[in-house]
């Protein structure tokens, strides 16, 4: 199951968050600061809807990434 970066909408597998990303990168993604793909880039364009949905769900569910991924899957992303 995937979650999406709340800044750029890039999909990330939950397993990669736990195994491949550094702790700092994973925490930045959860806090809405962006993923390694968009970190340091000025994203002046409008965020994709899936990025906005992911950001809102992360705010609501906090560290429950399985819940975020499950709800995003229910939305049809």
N, C-alpha and C. Protein backbone atom coordinates (compact mmCIF):
# COMPACT_ATOMS: atom_id res chain seq x y z
N UNK A 1 0.84 -1.17 0.00
CA UNK A 1 0.00 0.00 0.00
C UNK A 1 0.89 1.24 0.00
N UNK A 2 0.41 2.27 -0.67
CA UNK A 2 1.17 3.50 -0.81
C UNK A 2 0.55 4.64 -0.02
N UNK A 3 1.41 5.56 0.38
CA UNK A 3 0.97 6.87 0.83
C UNK A 3 1.59 7.86 -0.14
N UNK A 4 1.11 9.08 -0.13
CA UNK A 4 1.60 10.09 -1.06
C UNK A 4 2.23 11.23 -0.30
N UNK A 5 3.28 11.79 -0.89
CA UNK A 5 3.93 12.95 -0.29
C UNK A 5 2.92 14.09 -0.23
N UNK A 6 2.78 14.73 0.93
CA UNK A 6 1.81 15.81 1.05
C UNK A 6 2.20 17.09 0.32
N UNK A 7 3.42 17.16 -0.21
CA UNK A 7 3.85 18.34 -0.98
C UNK A 7 3.75 18.12 -2.47
N UNK A 8 4.27 16.99 -2.96
CA UNK A 8 4.35 16.81 -4.42
C UNK A 8 3.46 15.69 -4.94
N UNK A 9 2.96 14.83 -4.04
CA UNK A 9 2.09 13.74 -4.47
C UNK A 9 2.81 12.49 -4.92
N UNK A 10 4.12 12.43 -4.75
CA UNK A 10 4.90 11.24 -5.13
C UNK A 10 4.48 10.05 -4.27
N UNK A 11 4.18 8.89 -4.89
CA UNK A 11 3.78 7.72 -4.09
C UNK A 11 4.98 7.08 -3.40
N UNK A 12 4.76 6.66 -2.17
CA UNK A 12 5.79 5.96 -1.39
C UNK A 12 5.15 4.74 -0.76
N UNK A 13 5.82 3.61 -0.92
CA UNK A 13 5.38 2.37 -0.30
C UNK A 13 5.71 2.45 1.19
N UNK A 14 4.81 1.98 2.01
CA UNK A 14 5.02 2.04 3.46
C UNK A 14 6.29 1.28 3.87
N UNK A 15 6.56 0.16 3.22
CA UNK A 15 7.76 -0.61 3.55
C UNK A 15 9.02 0.20 3.27
N UNK A 16 9.02 1.01 2.21
CA UNK A 16 10.20 1.81 1.91
C UNK A 16 10.41 2.89 2.95
N UNK A 17 9.33 3.38 3.55
CA UNK A 17 9.48 4.36 4.62
C UNK A 17 10.23 3.77 5.80
N UNK A 18 9.93 2.51 6.10
CA UNK A 18 10.53 1.86 7.25
C UNK A 18 11.93 1.34 6.96
N UNK A 19 12.19 0.92 5.73
CA UNK A 19 13.45 0.25 5.43
C UNK A 19 14.46 1.11 4.67
N UNK A 20 14.01 1.81 3.64
CA UNK A 20 14.94 2.48 2.73
C UNK A 20 15.25 3.92 3.10
N UNK A 21 14.28 4.63 3.65
CA UNK A 21 14.47 6.05 3.97
C UNK A 21 15.18 6.20 5.30
N UNK A 22 15.94 7.29 5.40
CA UNK A 22 16.52 7.62 6.70
C UNK A 22 15.41 8.08 7.63
N UNK A 23 15.67 8.05 8.91
CA UNK A 23 14.65 8.46 9.88
C UNK A 23 14.24 9.91 9.67
N UNK A 24 15.21 10.77 9.34
CA UNK A 24 14.92 12.18 9.13
C UNK A 24 14.01 12.38 7.93
N UNK A 25 14.29 11.67 6.83
CA UNK A 25 13.46 11.79 5.63
C UNK A 25 12.04 11.29 5.89
N UNK A 26 11.91 10.18 6.59
CA UNK A 26 10.59 9.64 6.89
C UNK A 26 9.80 10.58 7.80
N UNK A 27 10.48 11.19 8.78
CA UNK A 27 9.80 12.13 9.67
C UNK A 27 9.39 13.40 8.92
N UNK A 28 10.24 13.87 8.01
CA UNK A 28 9.88 15.04 7.21
C UNK A 28 8.65 14.76 6.35
N UNK A 29 8.58 13.56 5.78
CA UNK A 29 7.43 13.18 4.98
C UNK A 29 6.16 13.17 5.82
N UNK A 30 6.25 12.60 7.01
CA UNK A 30 5.08 12.53 7.90
C UNK A 30 4.63 13.91 8.36
N UNK A 31 5.58 14.81 8.54
CA UNK A 31 5.26 16.16 9.02
C UNK A 31 4.82 17.11 7.92
N UNK A 32 4.82 16.63 6.68
CA UNK A 32 4.38 17.46 5.57
C UNK A 32 5.45 18.35 4.98
N UNK A 33 6.72 18.11 5.33
CA UNK A 33 7.81 18.92 4.80
C UNK A 33 8.29 18.43 3.44
N UNK A 34 7.80 17.29 3.01
CA UNK A 34 8.17 16.79 1.69
C UNK A 34 9.01 15.53 1.76
N UNK A 35 9.17 14.91 0.59
CA UNK A 35 9.93 13.68 0.48
C UNK A 35 11.29 13.99 -0.16
N UNK A 36 12.18 13.02 -0.28
CA UNK A 36 13.47 13.27 -0.92
C UNK A 36 13.34 13.74 -2.38
N UNK A 37 12.23 13.43 -3.04
CA UNK A 37 12.03 13.87 -4.43
C UNK A 37 11.78 15.36 -4.53
N UNK A 38 11.09 15.93 -3.57
CA UNK A 38 10.75 17.35 -3.66
C UNK A 38 11.48 18.22 -2.65
N UNK A 39 12.26 17.64 -1.76
CA UNK A 39 12.97 18.41 -0.75
C UNK A 39 13.94 19.37 -1.44
N UNK A 40 13.88 20.61 -1.04
CA UNK A 40 14.77 21.61 -1.59
C UNK A 40 14.27 22.26 -2.87
N UNK A 41 13.16 21.78 -3.42
CA UNK A 41 12.59 22.36 -4.63
C UNK A 41 11.45 23.32 -4.26
N UNK A 42 11.35 24.39 -5.01
CA UNK A 42 10.27 25.33 -4.81
C UNK A 42 9.06 24.84 -5.59
N UNK A 43 8.06 24.37 -4.91
CA UNK A 43 6.87 23.85 -5.56
C UNK A 43 5.82 24.95 -5.62
N UNK A 44 5.90 25.79 -6.64
CA UNK A 44 4.98 26.90 -6.76
C UNK A 44 3.69 26.50 -7.45
N UNK A 45 3.69 25.37 -8.15
CA UNK A 45 2.48 24.92 -8.81
C UNK A 45 1.49 24.36 -7.80
N UNK A 46 0.26 24.24 -8.22
CA UNK A 46 -0.78 23.72 -7.33
C UNK A 46 -0.52 22.25 -7.01
N UNK A 47 -0.73 21.90 -5.75
CA UNK A 47 -0.53 20.51 -5.34
C UNK A 47 -1.59 19.62 -5.93
N UNK A 48 -1.20 18.38 -6.30
CA UNK A 48 -2.21 17.43 -6.77
C UNK A 48 -3.20 17.11 -5.63
N UNK A 49 -4.41 16.72 -6.01
CA UNK A 49 -5.43 16.42 -5.01
C UNK A 49 -4.98 15.30 -4.08
N UNK A 50 -4.29 14.29 -4.63
CA UNK A 50 -3.85 13.18 -3.78
C UNK A 50 -2.84 13.65 -2.74
N UNK A 51 -2.04 14.68 -3.06
CA UNK A 51 -1.11 15.23 -2.07
C UNK A 51 -1.88 15.94 -0.96
N UNK A 52 -2.90 16.70 -1.33
CA UNK A 52 -3.71 17.38 -0.32
C UNK A 52 -4.45 16.38 0.56
N UNK A 53 -5.02 15.34 -0.06
CA UNK A 53 -5.73 14.31 0.71
C UNK A 53 -4.79 13.60 1.67
N UNK A 54 -3.60 13.29 1.20
CA UNK A 54 -2.62 12.61 2.04
C UNK A 54 -2.21 13.49 3.22
N UNK A 55 -2.00 14.78 2.97
CA UNK A 55 -1.63 15.70 4.04
C UNK A 55 -2.70 15.81 5.10
N UNK A 56 -3.95 15.89 4.68
CA UNK A 56 -5.06 15.99 5.63
C UNK A 56 -5.17 14.71 6.45
N UNK A 57 -5.06 13.57 5.79
CA UNK A 57 -5.15 12.30 6.52
C UNK A 57 -3.99 12.13 7.50
N UNK A 58 -2.80 12.59 7.13
CA UNK A 58 -1.66 12.53 8.06
C UNK A 58 -1.90 13.42 9.27
N UNK A 59 -2.54 14.58 9.05
CA UNK A 59 -2.88 15.46 10.18
C UNK A 59 -3.88 14.80 11.10
N UNK A 60 -4.86 14.13 10.53
CA UNK A 60 -5.92 13.50 11.33
C UNK A 60 -5.42 12.25 12.04
N UNK A 61 -4.72 11.37 11.31
CA UNK A 61 -4.34 10.07 11.85
C UNK A 61 -2.96 10.04 12.48
N UNK A 62 -2.17 11.08 12.32
CA UNK A 62 -0.86 11.14 12.94
C UNK A 62 0.09 10.08 12.41
N UNK A 63 0.64 9.26 13.29
CA UNK A 63 1.64 8.26 12.92
C UNK A 63 1.04 6.97 12.40
N UNK A 64 -0.25 6.88 12.26
CA UNK A 64 -0.90 5.66 11.77
C UNK A 64 -0.82 5.62 10.24
N UNK A 65 0.36 5.27 9.72
CA UNK A 65 0.56 5.26 8.27
C UNK A 65 -0.25 4.17 7.58
N UNK A 66 -0.49 3.06 8.27
CA UNK A 66 -1.34 2.02 7.70
C UNK A 66 -2.76 2.54 7.50
N UNK A 67 -3.24 3.32 8.45
CA UNK A 67 -4.57 3.92 8.32
C UNK A 67 -4.63 4.92 7.18
N UNK A 68 -3.57 5.72 7.02
CA UNK A 68 -3.51 6.69 5.92
C UNK A 68 -3.54 5.95 4.59
N UNK A 69 -2.70 4.92 4.46
CA UNK A 69 -2.64 4.15 3.21
C UNK A 69 -3.98 3.47 2.91
N UNK A 70 -4.60 2.95 3.94
CA UNK A 70 -5.88 2.26 3.76
C UNK A 70 -6.96 3.24 3.30
N UNK A 71 -7.01 4.42 3.92
CA UNK A 71 -8.02 5.40 3.52
C UNK A 71 -7.76 5.93 2.11
N UNK A 72 -6.48 6.12 1.75
CA UNK A 72 -6.17 6.56 0.39
C UNK A 72 -6.57 5.50 -0.63
N UNK A 73 -6.37 4.25 -0.26
CA UNK A 73 -6.78 3.16 -1.16
C UNK A 73 -8.31 3.14 -1.31
N UNK A 74 -9.02 3.42 -0.23
CA UNK A 74 -10.48 3.50 -0.30
C UNK A 74 -10.95 4.65 -1.19
N UNK A 75 -10.18 5.74 -1.22
CA UNK A 75 -10.51 6.88 -2.07
C UNK A 75 -10.30 6.55 -3.54
N UNK A 76 -9.53 5.51 -3.81
CA UNK A 76 -9.30 5.12 -5.20
C UNK A 76 -8.01 5.66 -5.78
N UNK A 77 -7.08 6.07 -4.92
CA UNK A 77 -5.80 6.53 -5.43
C UNK A 77 -4.93 5.32 -5.62
